[in-house]
C-alpha atoms as a PDB file:
ATOM      1  CA  MET A   1     -22.356 -24.008  -0.494  1.00  0.00           C
ATOM      2  CA  SER A   2     -24.037 -22.934   2.993  1.00  0.00           C
ATOM      3  CA  ALA A   3     -22.208 -20.276   5.091  1.00  0.00           C
ATOM      4  CA  HIS A   4     -21.800 -23.350   7.755  1.00  0.00           C
ATOM      5  CA  ASP A   5     -19.874 -25.193   5.009  1.00  0.00           C
ATOM      6  CA  ARG A   6     -17.825 -22.149   4.243  1.00  0.00           C
ATOM      7  CA  TYR A   7     -16.475 -21.896   7.650  1.00  0.00           C
ATOM      8  CA  LEU A   8     -15.865 -25.464   8.224  1.00  0.00           C
ATOM      9  CA  GLN A   9     -13.648 -25.216   4.949  1.00  0.00           C
ATOM     10  CA  ARG A  10     -11.723 -21.999   6.179  1.00  0.00           C
ATOM     11  CA  ALA A  11     -11.230 -23.941   9.257  1.00  0.00           C
ATOM     12  CA  LEU A  12      -9.988 -27.202   7.121  1.00  0.00           C
ATOM     13  CA  THR A  13      -7.899 -24.654   5.337  1.00  0.00           C
ATOM     14  CA  LEU A  14      -6.175 -23.306   8.187  1.00  0.00           C
ATOM     15  CA  ALA A  15      -5.569 -27.110   9.523  1.00  0.00           C
ATOM     16  CA  ASN A  16      -4.073 -28.197   6.180  1.00  0.00           C
ATOM     17  CA  HIS A  17      -1.894 -25.045   6.146  1.00  0.00           C
ATOM     18  CA  ASN A  18      -1.168 -25.663   9.779  1.00  0.00           C
ATOM     19  CA  ILE A  19       0.038 -29.412   9.005  1.00  0.00           C
ATOM     20  CA  SER A  20       2.639 -27.983   6.018  1.00  0.00           C
ATOM     21  CA  HIS A  21       4.271 -25.634   8.787  1.00  0.00           C
ATOM     22  CA  GLY A  22       4.776 -28.664  11.152  1.00  0.00           C
ATOM     23  CA  GLY A  23       1.680 -28.334  13.335  1.00  0.00           C
ATOM     24  CA  ARG A  24      -1.237 -30.719  13.903  1.00  0.00           C
ATOM     25  CA  PRO A  25      -4.443 -30.837  11.702  1.00  0.00           C
ATOM     26  CA  PHE A  26      -6.665 -28.569  13.667  1.00  0.00           C
ATOM     27  CA  GLY A  27      -8.057 -25.131  12.769  1.00  0.00           C
ATOM     28  CA  ALA A  28     -10.929 -23.123  14.074  1.00  0.00           C
ATOM     29  CA  VAL A  29     -12.935 -19.824  13.424  1.00  0.00           C
ATOM     30  CA  LEU A  30     -15.365 -18.064  15.583  1.00  0.00           C
ATOM     31  CA  VAL A  31     -18.213 -16.594  13.519  1.00  0.00           C
ATOM     32  CA  ARG A  32     -20.712 -13.801  14.471  1.00  0.00           C
ATOM     33  CA  HIS A  33     -23.483 -12.570  12.238  1.00  0.00           C
ATOM     34  CA  ASP A  34     -21.920 -14.136   9.177  1.00  0.00           C
ATOM     35  CA  GLU A  35     -18.526 -12.617   9.773  1.00  0.00           C
ATOM     36  CA  VAL A  36     -15.366 -14.320  10.962  1.00  0.00           C
ATOM     37  CA  VAL A  37     -14.164 -12.613  13.742  1.00  0.00           C
ATOM     38  CA  ALA A  38     -11.297 -14.913  14.886  1.00  0.00           C
ATOM     39  CA  ALA A  39      -9.233 -17.903  13.415  1.00  0.00           C
ATOM     40  CA  ALA A  40      -6.541 -20.023  14.700  1.00  0.00           C
ATOM     41  CA  VAL A  41      -4.796 -23.336  14.523  1.00  0.00           C
ATOM     42  CA  ASN A  42      -3.280 -25.908  17.054  1.00  0.00           C
ATOM     43  CA  THR A  43      -0.312 -24.405  18.179  1.00  0.00           C
ATOM     44  CA  PHE A  44       0.808 -27.084  20.867  1.00  0.00           C
ATOM     45  CA  PRO A  45       3.903 -28.721  18.958  1.00  0.00           C
ATOM     46  CA  LEU A  46       5.615 -25.422  18.383  1.00  0.00           C
ATOM     47  CA  SER A  47       4.747 -23.790  21.573  1.00  0.00           C
ATOM     48  CA  GLY A  48       4.674 -26.662  24.213  1.00  0.00           C
ATOM     49  CA  ASP A  49       1.483 -25.442  25.728  1.00  0.00           C
ATOM     50  CA  THR A  50      -0.984 -28.556  26.092  1.00  0.00           C
ATOM     51  CA  THR A  51      -4.001 -25.887  26.042  1.00  0.00           C
ATOM     52  CA  ALA A  52      -3.013 -24.457  22.723  1.00  0.00           C
ATOM     53  CA  HIS A  53      -5.705 -26.092  21.021  1.00  0.00           C
ATOM     54  CA  ALA A  54      -7.235 -24.321  17.966  1.00  0.00           C
ATOM     55  CA  GLU A  55     -10.474 -23.551  19.780  1.00  0.00           C
ATOM     56  CA  GLN A  56      -8.791 -22.293  22.877  1.00  0.00           C
ATOM     57  CA  ASN A  57      -6.475 -20.079  20.485  1.00  0.00           C
ATOM     58  CA  VAL A  58      -9.586 -18.240  19.084  1.00  0.00           C
ATOM     59  CA  VAL A  59     -10.709 -17.397  22.363  1.00  0.00           C
ATOM     60  CA  ARG A  60      -7.271 -15.997  23.430  1.00  0.00           C
ATOM     61  CA  ASP A  61      -7.036 -13.952  20.163  1.00  0.00           C
ATOM     62  CA  ILE A  62     -10.471 -12.558  20.781  1.00  0.00           C
ATOM     63  CA  ALA A  63      -9.271 -11.886  24.438  1.00  0.00           C
ATOM     64  CA  ALA A  64      -6.259 -10.312  23.511  1.00  0.00           C
ATOM     65  CA  ARG A  65      -7.881  -7.907  21.038  1.00  0.00           C
ATOM     66  CA  LEU A  66     -11.306  -7.117  22.740  1.00  0.00           C
ATOM     67  CA  GLY A  67     -10.482  -7.889  26.279  1.00  0.00           C
ATOM     68  CA  ALA A  68     -13.083  -9.590  28.526  1.00  0.00           C
ATOM     69  CA  GLU A  69     -15.919  -7.106  28.107  1.00  0.00           C
ATOM     70  CA  GLY A  70     -15.730  -6.968  24.440  1.00  0.00           C
ATOM     71  CA  GLN A  71     -15.683 -10.771  23.634  1.00  0.00           C
ATOM     72  CA  PRO A  72     -18.549 -11.333  21.124  1.00  0.00           C
ATOM     73  CA  GLU A  73     -21.025 -14.381  21.227  1.00  0.00           C
ATOM     74  CA  GLY A  74     -20.783 -16.447  18.317  1.00  0.00           C
ATOM     75  CA  VAL A  75     -20.358 -19.907  16.827  1.00  0.00           C
ATOM     76  CA  ILE A  76     -17.048 -21.830  16.557  1.00  0.00           C
ATOM     77  CA  SER A  77     -16.469 -23.951  13.524  1.00  0.00           C
ATOM     78  CA  ALA A  78     -13.424 -26.193  14.022  1.00  0.00           C
ATOM     79  CA  ARG A  79     -11.672 -28.963  11.755  1.00  0.00           C
ATOM     80  CA  GLY A  80     -11.203 -32.277  13.869  1.00  0.00           C
ATOM     81  CA  GLN A  81     -12.879 -32.987  16.920  1.00  0.00           C
ATOM     82  CA  ALA A  82     -13.466 -29.879  19.286  1.00  0.00           C
ATOM     83  CA  CYS A  83     -11.654 -30.193  22.424  1.00  0.00           C
ATOM     84  CA  PRO A  84     -13.766 -30.655  25.495  1.00  0.00           C
ATOM     85  CA  MET A  85     -11.651 -27.849  27.624  1.00  0.00           C
END
């Protein structure tokens, strides 16, 4: 299995776990230098925040932990169709 496939599988696992906890089937991971630096799921059903897509939550997680200056470049792998936001 390629690295890309492993990251997509991790996003799928997050999405499936989210479904079992009342969420929607979306998960995302942010990868930099072959390392997952953030992972998140869609939290809209629980939070009521219509912008709480998995991809947005990955970015929020990084911003909260590292601040604007420390945000790494990377690749987001997402399960589901990526949100255009």
